[in-house]
Amino acid sequence: MQQRLIIGNKLINLKEVDSTNTYMKQLVYSNDKEIEGMVVIAEHQFKGKGQRGNIWESEKGKNFTFSIFLTPNILVQNQFLISKVVSLGIIDFLDNLGLNELKIKWPNDIFCKKNKIAGILIENSIRNNKIENSILGIGLNVNQINFDCGNIPTSIIKELGCDLLNLEELLNNLLFFIEKRYLTLKSGKIELINKDYLNCLYGLNEVRIFKIGSENIDGTIIGVNSIGKLQVKIKDIIEEFDLKEIEFLS
């Protein structure tokens, strides 16, 4: 068993909940004693949320749907570093299991061989220009084989071609790898985080089709800026986009 210092020091297991992020928010704001690293995990979320208001599909008892409470104490303009370290922690975990062709699809989906295997939803509380706390909602497909949604998600056992995996054992290792990356943020290793994130960025330096406004436009991803905007070169001009301003079409 991997040893952890912070993340998972308090673990709350739920059979069913609307959303682990919502449950975590209610728990934190009704409790004077906040515990950094607290994890709320549910066998089933019936209102799990993804980016752009999408629903996170997860078969009951087969995957990870959980939230982590953190107090990163970083400036607001650096908040995307939280997404970077969590994404990298999930990549490290999956790589350690033997999965290949792992990428981070901006802003915070994890892809394996061009299929989505995990997603992250981060909700930050801000005070005095700093991130006072962050609630990180994570969905990771583990033992599910069949999916209803159209983007053909994948899972750990689909990729490994193995029998059902023990979720309790896997969770300990997943939290270990997330914490390991989070500690690099705590210790100020920003250049390392940025370098590793860029190396894992889906579509980097590749010509792809994006929907921008009402137009479909060819562009090349060249990076992500310090506040988390996607940088795309379009007709030799570098433009920067928020989540709602651009959509991947290919």
Foldseek 3Di string as FASTA:
>chain_A
DDDDDAAPPAEAEEAEEQAQLVVVVVVQVVDPDDGANYKYWYQYHNNYAAPPRDGDDDDGNQWTWMKGKHFLWAFLLQVLLLLLLLLVLQVVLLVVVPADDWAAEPPHFIDGPQATFKGKDKDFDDDPRTGRMIMIIMIGGAGDDDDDDDRDHDHSCRRVVDHRDDPVVSVVSSSSSSNVSSVCSSVPVVVVSQVVNQVRHPQAQHWFWKCFPNDTFTWHFPGADSNGWTWTQGPNDTDTHDPVGMGGPD
